[in-house]
């Protein structure tokens, strides 16, 4: 007889949140890609719900991740800019302060075992690391994988490389390697996830896996490169799909499939590169507040709870995961602050309407656009005021400005 798991006994699910880096809206087969084979992620969508209008709260890394973790627009938590920069860089004395409640803290306080694996990018100084934000364990890179020593880095007169310090791989708060083999990291991340799930199979757990792919530079294993139709980028997408396959297989082997909510997404849109990803049919790319910069893949699967094969066109955001996970864990968001995310349980389970009257598009601390229902109004771009209106229901590519109409 199979054991009765704590998460099942009290109705609380395990939660596995997979967040990619710079993966575009059109990079998965289930979102229309004909360059990338993503059988596992396509199956994840077929067995759950695929969101067509899933938004990140920023078109770049650090503010997007801060918003995901706290349920708040980046400017609300001081993540609009970082000493005037759009993302965090190595050694900066700023990051996610301990006054903010992260998903790790929220779920840890609710009795969950918590693991963060992969790219953090919410501050690399000790006070800002995941282990100080409610995660029992952390294994990964504290910032982007390009923020290390690379070919072409300027060299000082004494022969030493200038610029970034060696890329650190952390285990907890300790640097265990410098300049790790990046092609090996996805496999090492998956190993950490499997070890954690096996150790905590009899209690509710939360896993936050933040891939290094498909952020540049891309280093991949030969077995994925050999089968890619889109160079290193396609191989990186295949690596992401493989990682999901291994994790889903392990959940099934542990008897946790029907007790686990799996959410898959990306931190922002793909870069504008001919040899890279796709945000089609959206306009724009990473770093912009066009749809292609902030509308990303969003998939959720929980067998027995989420009806399979659904496509949902309701507006939902990464910030909604904070109050939604809180509700599923039997707890509540902190009441002493504003939370911009909304509980989307009704959307996940009951085909309910979006809880959002409007969604704001920020670039650093500037409000650039607002979406309400089918309409998206652009009010600023590159620091200059604009006045453009698009009907996203018929024009998701934002090609026809109807403001004058």
Protein backbone atom coordinates (compact mmCIF):
# COMPACT_ATOMS: atom_id res chain seq x y z
CA UNK A 1 0.00 0.00 0.00
CA UNK A 2 1.39 3.40 -1.00
CA UNK A 3 2.19 5.77 1.87
CA UNK A 4 -0.15 8.67 2.54
CA UNK A 5 1.91 11.78 1.87
CA UNK A 6 1.47 14.85 4.02
CA UNK A 7 0.74 17.03 1.00
CA UNK A 8 -2.04 14.67 -0.03
CA UNK A 9 -3.42 14.15 3.46
CA UNK A 10 -4.18 17.84 3.96
CA UNK A 11 -4.89 18.70 0.33
CA UNK A 12 -1.83 20.90 -0.12
CA UNK A 13 0.15 20.20 -3.29
CA UNK A 14 3.85 20.00 -3.80
CA UNK A 15 4.85 22.85 -6.12
CA UNK A 16 7.53 22.75 -8.81
CA UNK A 17 8.13 26.11 -10.50
CA UNK A 18 10.37 26.04 -13.59
CA UNK A 19 11.54 29.43 -14.86
CA UNK A 20 13.63 29.72 -18.03
CA UNK A 21 15.96 32.55 -19.01
CA UNK A 22 15.14 34.53 -22.18
CA UNK A 23 12.91 31.80 -23.65
CA UNK A 24 10.58 33.38 -26.20
CA UNK A 25 6.82 33.07 -26.61
CA UNK A 26 7.22 31.10 -29.84
CA UNK A 27 10.03 28.79 -28.76
CA UNK A 28 7.99 25.71 -27.80
CA UNK A 29 6.15 23.33 -30.08
CA UNK A 30 2.91 23.92 -28.22
CA UNK A 31 3.32 27.66 -28.91
CA UNK A 32 3.91 27.17 -32.62
CA UNK A 33 7.63 26.52 -33.00
CA UNK A 34 8.65 24.42 -35.99
CA UNK A 35 12.37 24.68 -35.14
CA UNK A 36 12.33 23.13 -31.67
CA UNK A 37 11.19 19.68 -30.62
CA UNK A 38 9.71 19.98 -27.12
CA UNK A 39 7.76 16.73 -26.60
CA UNK A 40 7.78 16.90 -22.80
CA UNK A 41 6.65 20.50 -22.55
CA UNK A 42 4.04 19.87 -25.24
CA UNK A 43 2.84 16.94 -23.10
CA UNK A 44 2.85 19.16 -20.02
CA UNK A 45 0.49 21.52 -21.87
CA UNK A 46 -1.66 18.65 -23.15
CA UNK A 47 -2.04 17.33 -19.61
CA UNK A 48 -2.76 20.74 -18.12
CA UNK A 49 -3.51 24.31 -19.15
CA UNK A 50 -1.58 26.45 -21.64
CA UNK A 51 -1.91 30.19 -21.12
CA UNK A 52 -1.86 32.41 -24.20
CA UNK A 53 -1.72 35.67 -22.21
CA UNK A 54 0.79 35.01 -19.43
CA UNK A 55 2.90 38.05 -18.53
CA UNK A 56 6.09 38.70 -16.64
CA UNK A 57 6.24 42.00 -14.77
CA UNK A 58 9.43 43.15 -16.51
CA UNK A 59 11.20 42.55 -19.82
CA UNK A 60 14.58 41.92 -18.11
CA UNK A 61 15.99 39.48 -15.56
CA UNK A 62 16.33 40.90 -12.04
CA UNK A 63 13.07 42.88 -11.82
CA UNK A 64 11.16 40.02 -13.46
CA UNK A 65 12.47 37.54 -10.90
CA UNK A 66 11.88 39.86 -7.97
CA UNK A 67 8.27 40.32 -9.06
CA UNK A 68 7.79 36.56 -9.51
CA UNK A 69 9.11 35.90 -6.02
CA UNK A 70 7.15 38.61 -4.20
CA UNK A 71 3.94 39.08 -6.19
CA UNK A 72 4.71 42.79 -6.62
CA UNK A 73 5.46 45.11 -9.50
CA UNK A 74 9.24 45.75 -9.52
CA UNK A 75 9.12 49.46 -8.56
CA UNK A 76 7.06 48.56 -5.48
CA UNK A 77 9.94 46.48 -4.06
CA UNK A 78 12.78 48.75 -5.19
CA UNK A 79 13.53 46.54 -8.21
CA UNK A 80 12.75 49.09 -10.92
CA UNK A 81 16.44 49.96 -11.17
CA UNK A 82 19.62 49.12 -9.32
CA UNK A 83 21.86 52.15 -8.76
CA UNK A 84 20.62 53.35 -12.14
CA UNK A 85 21.09 49.99 -13.89
CA UNK A 86 18.29 47.82 -15.33
CA UNK A 87 19.52 44.58 -13.70
CA UNK A 88 21.83 43.56 -10.89
CA UNK A 89 25.54 43.13 -11.57
CA UNK A 90 28.21 41.27 -9.56
CA UNK A 91 29.20 42.89 -6.31
CA UNK A 92 26.46 45.49 -6.11
CA UNK A 93 25.46 46.27 -2.52
CA UNK A 94 21.74 46.01 -3.31
CA UNK A 95 19.30 43.14 -3.73
CA UNK A 96 16.04 41.73 -2.43
CA UNK A 97 15.90 43.03 1.15
CA UNK A 98 14.90 40.79 4.04
CA UNK A 99 11.86 43.00 4.58
CA UNK A 100 10.34 41.43 1.45
CA UNK A 101 8.56 38.08 1.73
CA UNK A 102 9.57 35.73 -1.08
CA UNK A 103 7.82 32.58 -2.24
CA UNK A 104 10.51 30.68 -0.39
CA UNK A 105 9.71 32.42 2.90
CA UNK A 106 5.95 32.26 2.35
CA UNK A 107 5.94 28.50 1.77
CA UNK A 108 8.63 27.69 4.32
CA UNK A 109 6.58 29.44 7.00
CA UNK A 110 3.59 27.36 5.83
CA UNK A 111 5.51 24.14 6.55
CA UNK A 112 6.98 23.40 3.13
CA UNK A 113 10.49 22.12 2.50
CA UNK A 114 12.00 24.59 0.02
CA UNK A 115 14.72 24.36 -2.63
CA UNK A 116 16.04 26.94 -5.08
CA UNK A 117 18.25 25.71 -7.92
CA UNK A 118 19.77 27.78 -10.73
CA UNK A 119 19.89 31.49 -11.50
CA UNK A 120 18.95 33.76 -8.59
CA UNK A 121 19.82 37.29 -9.80
CA UNK A 122 18.18 39.06 -6.87
CA UNK A 123 21.43 40.10 -5.19
CA UNK A 124 24.74 38.24 -4.80
CA UNK A 125 25.79 39.55 -1.40
CA UNK A 126 25.17 37.14 1.52
CA UNK A 127 22.19 39.03 2.95
CA UNK A 128 20.31 38.77 -0.34
CA UNK A 129 20.89 35.10 -1.22
CA UNK A 130 18.07 32.49 -1.36
CA UNK A 131 19.01 30.93 1.98
CA UNK A 132 18.14 34.29 3.58
CA UNK A 133 14.80 34.34 1.80
CA UNK A 134 13.23 31.15 3.11
CA UNK A 135 14.88 28.54 0.91
CA UNK A 136 16.26 25.63 2.92
CA UNK A 137 18.92 25.01 0.29
CA UNK A 138 20.35 26.75 -2.76
CA UNK A 139 22.53 25.45 -5.58
CA UNK A 140 23.29 27.60 -8.61
CA UNK A 141 24.58 30.85 -10.08
CA UNK A 142 23.86 34.08 -8.17
CA UNK A 143 23.46 36.06 -11.41
CA UNK A 144 23.49 35.68 -15.20
CA UNK A 145 25.82 33.16 -16.80
CA UNK A 146 27.47 35.87 -18.93
CA UNK A 147 28.67 37.72 -15.82
CA UNK A 148 31.93 35.80 -15.55
CA UNK A 149 35.24 35.48 -17.39
CA UNK A 150 34.69 35.12 -21.13
CA UNK A 151 36.74 35.15 -24.27
CA UNK A 152 37.14 38.76 -25.35
CA UNK A 153 37.03 40.18 -21.82
CA UNK A 154 39.41 43.18 -21.67
CA UNK A 155 42.83 42.41 -20.21
CA UNK A 156 44.81 44.71 -17.91
CA UNK A 157 48.45 45.63 -18.55
CA UNK A 158 49.59 42.98 -16.05
CA UNK A 159 47.89 40.26 -18.09
CA UNK A 160 44.98 39.74 -15.69
CA UNK A 161 41.45 39.91 -17.00
CA UNK A 162 39.50 43.01 -16.07
CA UNK A 163 35.75 43.22 -15.61
CA UNK A 164 33.75 40.49 -13.89
CA UNK A 165 35.15 38.11 -11.28
CA UNK A 166 35.13 34.38 -12.12
CA UNK A 167 31.57 33.06 -12.43
CA UNK A 168 30.73 31.48 -9.04
CA UNK A 169 28.74 28.28 -8.51
CA UNK A 170 27.19 28.34 -5.05
CA UNK A 171 26.13 25.52 -2.75
CA UNK A 172 24.21 27.29 -0.04
CA UNK A 173 26.21 30.46 0.65
CA UNK A 174 29.56 28.92 -0.33
CA UNK A 175 31.36 29.20 -3.65
CA UNK A 176 32.24 25.61 -4.57
CA UNK A 177 33.51 26.25 -8.12
CA UNK A 178 34.65 29.14 -10.25
CA UNK A 179 33.92 29.22 -13.98
CA UNK A 180 32.01 25.90 -13.92
CA UNK A 181 31.43 23.95 -17.13
CA UNK A 182 28.14 25.52 -18.12
CA UNK A 183 27.16 22.62 -20.37
CA UNK A 184 27.04 20.42 -17.26
CA UNK A 185 24.92 22.70 -15.10
CA UNK A 186 21.44 21.66 -16.25
CA UNK A 187 22.22 18.04 -15.42
CA UNK A 188 23.62 19.05 -12.05
CA UNK A 189 20.57 21.18 -11.34
CA UNK A 190 18.25 18.28 -12.15
CA UNK A 191 20.26 16.00 -9.86
CA UNK A 192 19.73 18.45 -6.99
CA UNK A 193 16.00 18.56 -7.68
CA UNK A 194 15.69 14.76 -7.75
CA UNK A 195 17.68 14.37 -4.54
CA UNK A 196 15.49 16.95 -2.81
CA UNK A 197 12.19 15.45 -3.97
CA UNK A 198 13.24 11.98 -2.85
CA UNK A 199 14.30 13.27 0.56
CA UNK A 200 11.02 15.17 1.09
CA UNK A 201 8.54 12.87 -0.59
CA UNK A 202 6.56 12.50 2.63
CA UNK A 203 6.06 16.22 3.27
CA UNK A 204 4.94 19.14 1.11
CA UNK A 205 7.80 20.69 -0.83
CA UNK A 206 8.46 23.68 -3.09
CA UNK A 207 11.08 23.54 -5.83
CA UNK A 208 12.09 26.68 -7.74
CA UNK A 209 14.24 25.65 -10.72
CA UNK A 210 15.60 28.64 -12.63
CA UNK A 211 17.40 27.48 -15.77
CA UNK A 212 20.48 29.20 -17.18
CA UNK A 213 19.14 28.50 -20.69
CA UNK A 214 18.65 30.13 -23.14
CA UNK A 215 20.66 33.14 -21.93
CA UNK A 216 23.89 33.86 -23.79
CA UNK A 217 26.55 32.50 -23.88
CA UNK A 218 25.09 29.08 -24.67
CA UNK A 219 27.15 25.99 -23.92
CA UNK A 220 25.38 22.67 -24.52
CA UNK A 221 26.09 18.97 -24.43
CA UNK A 222 26.97 17.31 -27.72
CA UNK A 223 24.00 14.95 -27.53
CA UNK A 224 21.59 17.88 -27.76
CA UNK A 225 23.65 19.86 -30.28
CA UNK A 226 23.78 16.92 -32.68
CA UNK A 227 20.00 16.81 -32.97
CA UNK A 228 19.30 20.55 -33.07
CA UNK A 229 17.79 22.25 -36.12
CA UNK A 230 18.51 25.66 -34.59
CA UNK A 231 22.12 25.53 -33.49
CA UNK A 232 23.11 25.97 -29.88
CA UNK A 233 19.84 27.74 -29.10
CA UNK A 234 17.76 24.76 -30.22
CA UNK A 235 20.02 22.46 -28.23
CA UNK A 236 19.46 24.58 -25.12
CA UNK A 237 15.69 24.37 -25.62
CA UNK A 238 16.04 20.58 -25.95
CA UNK A 239 18.00 20.56 -22.67
CA UNK A 240 15.16 22.39 -20.94
CA UNK A 241 12.69 19.86 -22.32
CA UNK A 242 14.89 16.95 -21.20
CA UNK A 243 15.10 18.39 -17.66
CA UNK A 244 11.31 18.60 -17.48
CA UNK A 245 11.05 15.00 -18.66
CA UNK A 246 13.36 13.73 -15.93
CA UNK A 247 11.53 15.68 -13.23
CA UNK A 248 8.08 14.52 -14.38
CA UNK A 249 9.31 10.93 -14.55
CA UNK A 250 10.65 11.15 -11.01
CA UNK A 251 7.38 12.58 -9.70
CA UNK A 252 5.57 9.61 -11.23
CA UNK A 253 8.09 7.15 -9.79
CA UNK A 254 7.66 8.66 -6.33
CA UNK A 255 3.87 8.47 -6.58
CA UNK A 256 3.65 12.27 -6.40
CA UNK A 257 2.22 13.03 -9.84
CA UNK A 258 -1.31 13.77 -8.66
CA UNK A 259 -0.04 15.62 -5.62
CA UNK A 260 2.15 18.10 -7.47
CA UNK A 261 1.45 21.35 -9.30
CA UNK A 262 4.07 22.01 -11.98
CA UNK A 263 4.31 25.52 -13.47
CA UNK A 264 6.56 26.33 -16.43
CA UNK A 265 7.42 29.81 -17.73
CA UNK A 266 10.20 32.22 -18.77
CA UNK A 267 11.54 35.40 -17.16
CA UNK A 268 11.08 37.55 -20.29
CA UNK A 269 10.99 37.33 -24.06
CA UNK A 270 13.78 36.18 -26.33
CA UNK A 271 16.58 38.39 -27.56
CA UNK A 272 16.38 39.92 -31.02
CA UNK A 273 18.86 37.57 -32.74
CA UNK A 274 18.70 35.84 -36.11
CA UNK A 275 20.33 32.73 -34.63
CA UNK A 276 18.23 32.70 -31.48
CA UNK A 277 14.66 32.44 -30.29
CA UNK A 278 11.24 33.52 -31.41
CA UNK A 279 8.60 35.73 -29.84
CA UNK A 280 6.20 35.25 -32.74
CA UNK A 281 3.47 36.20 -33.28
CA UNK A 282 4.29 38.98 -30.84
CA UNK A 283 6.16 42.16 -31.66
CA UNK A 284 9.31 43.11 -29.81
CA UNK A 285 11.88 41.27 -27.77
CA UNK A 286 13.64 41.17 -24.42
CA UNK A 287 14.08 44.64 -22.98
CA UNK A 288 10.98 46.11 -24.63
CA UNK A 289 7.42 46.58 -23.39
CA UNK A 290 5.99 45.31 -26.66
CA UNK A 291 4.19 42.00 -26.15
CA UNK A 292 7.28 40.04 -27.21
CA UNK A 293 9.25 41.41 -24.29
CA UNK A 294 6.84 40.41 -21.53
CA UNK A 295 4.28 37.89 -22.80
CA UNK A 296 5.87 34.45 -22.31
CA UNK A 297 4.98 30.76 -22.26
CA UNK A 298 2.92 29.78 -19.24
CA UNK A 299 1.92 26.17 -18.57
CA UNK A 300 0.42 24.59 -15.44
CA UNK A 301 -0.23 20.89 -14.76
CA UNK A 302 -1.78 19.15 -11.76
CA UNK A 303 -3.35 15.81 -12.69
CA UNK A 304 -6.78 15.39 -11.20
CA UNK A 305 -7.14 19.09 -10.41
CA UNK A 306 -6.41 20.96 -13.64
CA UNK A 307 -8.48 19.73 -16.56
CA UNK A 308 -6.15 18.50 -19.32
CA UNK A 309 -5.85 19.97 -22.78
CA UNK A 310 -7.12 23.45 -21.94
CA UNK A 311 -6.01 26.66 -23.61
CA UNK A 312 -6.74 29.74 -21.53
CA UNK A 313 -6.73 33.27 -22.98
CA UNK A 314 -7.39 35.06 -19.69
CA UNK A 315 -4.80 37.63 -18.61
CA UNK A 316 -2.62 36.20 -15.86
CA UNK A 317 0.80 37.23 -14.55
CA UNK A 318 3.80 35.78 -12.78
CA UNK A 319 2.88 37.93 -9.77
CA UNK A 320 -0.31 35.89 -9.42
CA UNK A 321 1.70 32.83 -8.42
CA UNK A 322 2.46 34.36 -5.00
CA UNK A 323 -1.15 34.62 -3.74
CA UNK A 324 -2.19 31.48 -5.64
CA UNK A 325 0.53 29.34 -4.08
CA UNK A 326 -0.33 30.87 -0.72
CA UNK A 327 -3.96 29.79 -1.07
CA UNK A 328 -2.99 26.27 -2.15
CA UNK A 329 -0.59 26.01 0.80
CA UNK A 330 -3.29 27.03 3.25
CA UNK A 331 -1.73 30.36 4.12
CA UNK A 332 -2.17 34.01 3.12
CA UNK A 333 0.06 36.72 1.65
CA UNK A 334 1.39 39.20 4.21
CA UNK A 335 -1.31 41.69 5.14
CA UNK A 336 1.04 44.57 5.95
CA UNK A 337 1.80 45.47 2.32
CA UNK A 338 0.23 45.75 -1.11
CA UNK A 339 0.46 42.63 -3.28
CA UNK A 340 -0.16 43.23 -6.98
CA UNK A 341 -0.73 39.58 -7.89
CA UNK A 342 -4.16 37.97 -7.56
CA UNK A 343 -5.19 34.44 -6.65
CA UNK A 344 -5.88 32.73 -10.00
CA UNK A 345 -7.18 29.46 -8.56
CA UNK A 346 -10.48 30.15 -10.31
CA UNK A 347 -8.68 30.47 -13.63
CA UNK A 348 -6.58 27.36 -13.03
CA UNK A 349 -9.35 25.06 -11.92
CA UNK A 350 -12.68 26.48 -13.02
CA UNK A 351 -12.21 28.40 -16.30
CA UNK A 352 -12.91 31.58 -14.36
CA UNK A 353 -12.24 35.13 -15.57
CA UNK A 354 -9.02 37.02 -15.04
CA UNK A 355 -8.97 38.83 -11.70
CA UNK A 356 -7.14 41.76 -13.30
CA UNK A 357 -8.88 44.92 -14.42
CA UNK A 358 -5.57 46.14 -15.81
CA UNK A 359 -1.91 45.16 -16.13
CA UNK A 360 0.97 47.67 -16.16
CA UNK A 361 4.08 47.38 -18.32
CA UNK A 362 7.15 48.85 -16.64
CA UNK A 363 10.62 49.47 -18.07
CA UNK A 364 12.81 50.19 -15.06
CA UNK A 365 10.77 52.71 -13.05
CA UNK A 366 8.84 54.06 -16.02
CA UNK A 367 5.26 53.11 -16.74
CA UNK A 368 5.25 52.46 -20.49
CA UNK A 369 1.93 50.78 -21.24
CA UNK A 370 -1.27 49.48 -19.69
CA UNK A 371 -3.45 46.60 -20.83
CA UNK A 372 -7.13 46.43 -19.94
CA UNK A 373 -9.08 43.61 -21.48
CA UNK A 374 -8.40 43.51 -25.20
CA UNK A 375 -6.84 46.99 -25.29
CA UNK A 376 -3.22 47.96 -24.77
CA UNK A 377 -2.32 51.63 -24.47
CA UNK A 378 1.33 52.68 -24.87
CA UNK A 379 2.13 55.91 -23.06
CA UNK A 380 5.95 56.01 -23.11
CA UNK A 381 8.89 54.42 -24.92
CA UNK A 382 12.61 55.01 -24.43
CA UNK A 383 11.83 57.84 -22.06
CA UNK A 384 9.61 59.70 -24.50
CA UNK A 385 5.81 60.02 -24.35
CA UNK A 386 3.81 58.16 -26.99
CA UNK A 387 0.12 57.63 -27.64
CA UNK A 388 -0.63 54.29 -29.29
CA UNK A 389 -3.55 51.91 -28.85
CA UNK A 390 -3.70 48.28 -29.99
CA UNK A 391 -6.51 45.74 -30.00
CA UNK A 392 -4.70 42.62 -28.82
CA UNK A 393 -7.67 40.37 -29.53
CA UNK A 394 -7.20 40.85 -33.27
CA UNK A 395 -3.69 42.28 -33.37
CA UNK A 396 -1.36 40.55 -30.87
CA UNK A 397 1.56 41.67 -33.01
CA UNK A 398 0.71 45.33 -32.27
CA UNK A 399 0.97 46.28 -35.92
CA UNK A 400 -2.03 48.63 -36.25
CA UNK A 401 -2.29 51.68 -34.00
CA UNK A 402 -5.98 52.51 -33.55
CA UNK A 403 -5.57 55.44 -31.14
CA UNK A 404 -7.04 57.89 -33.63
CA UNK A 405 -10.10 55.67 -34.04
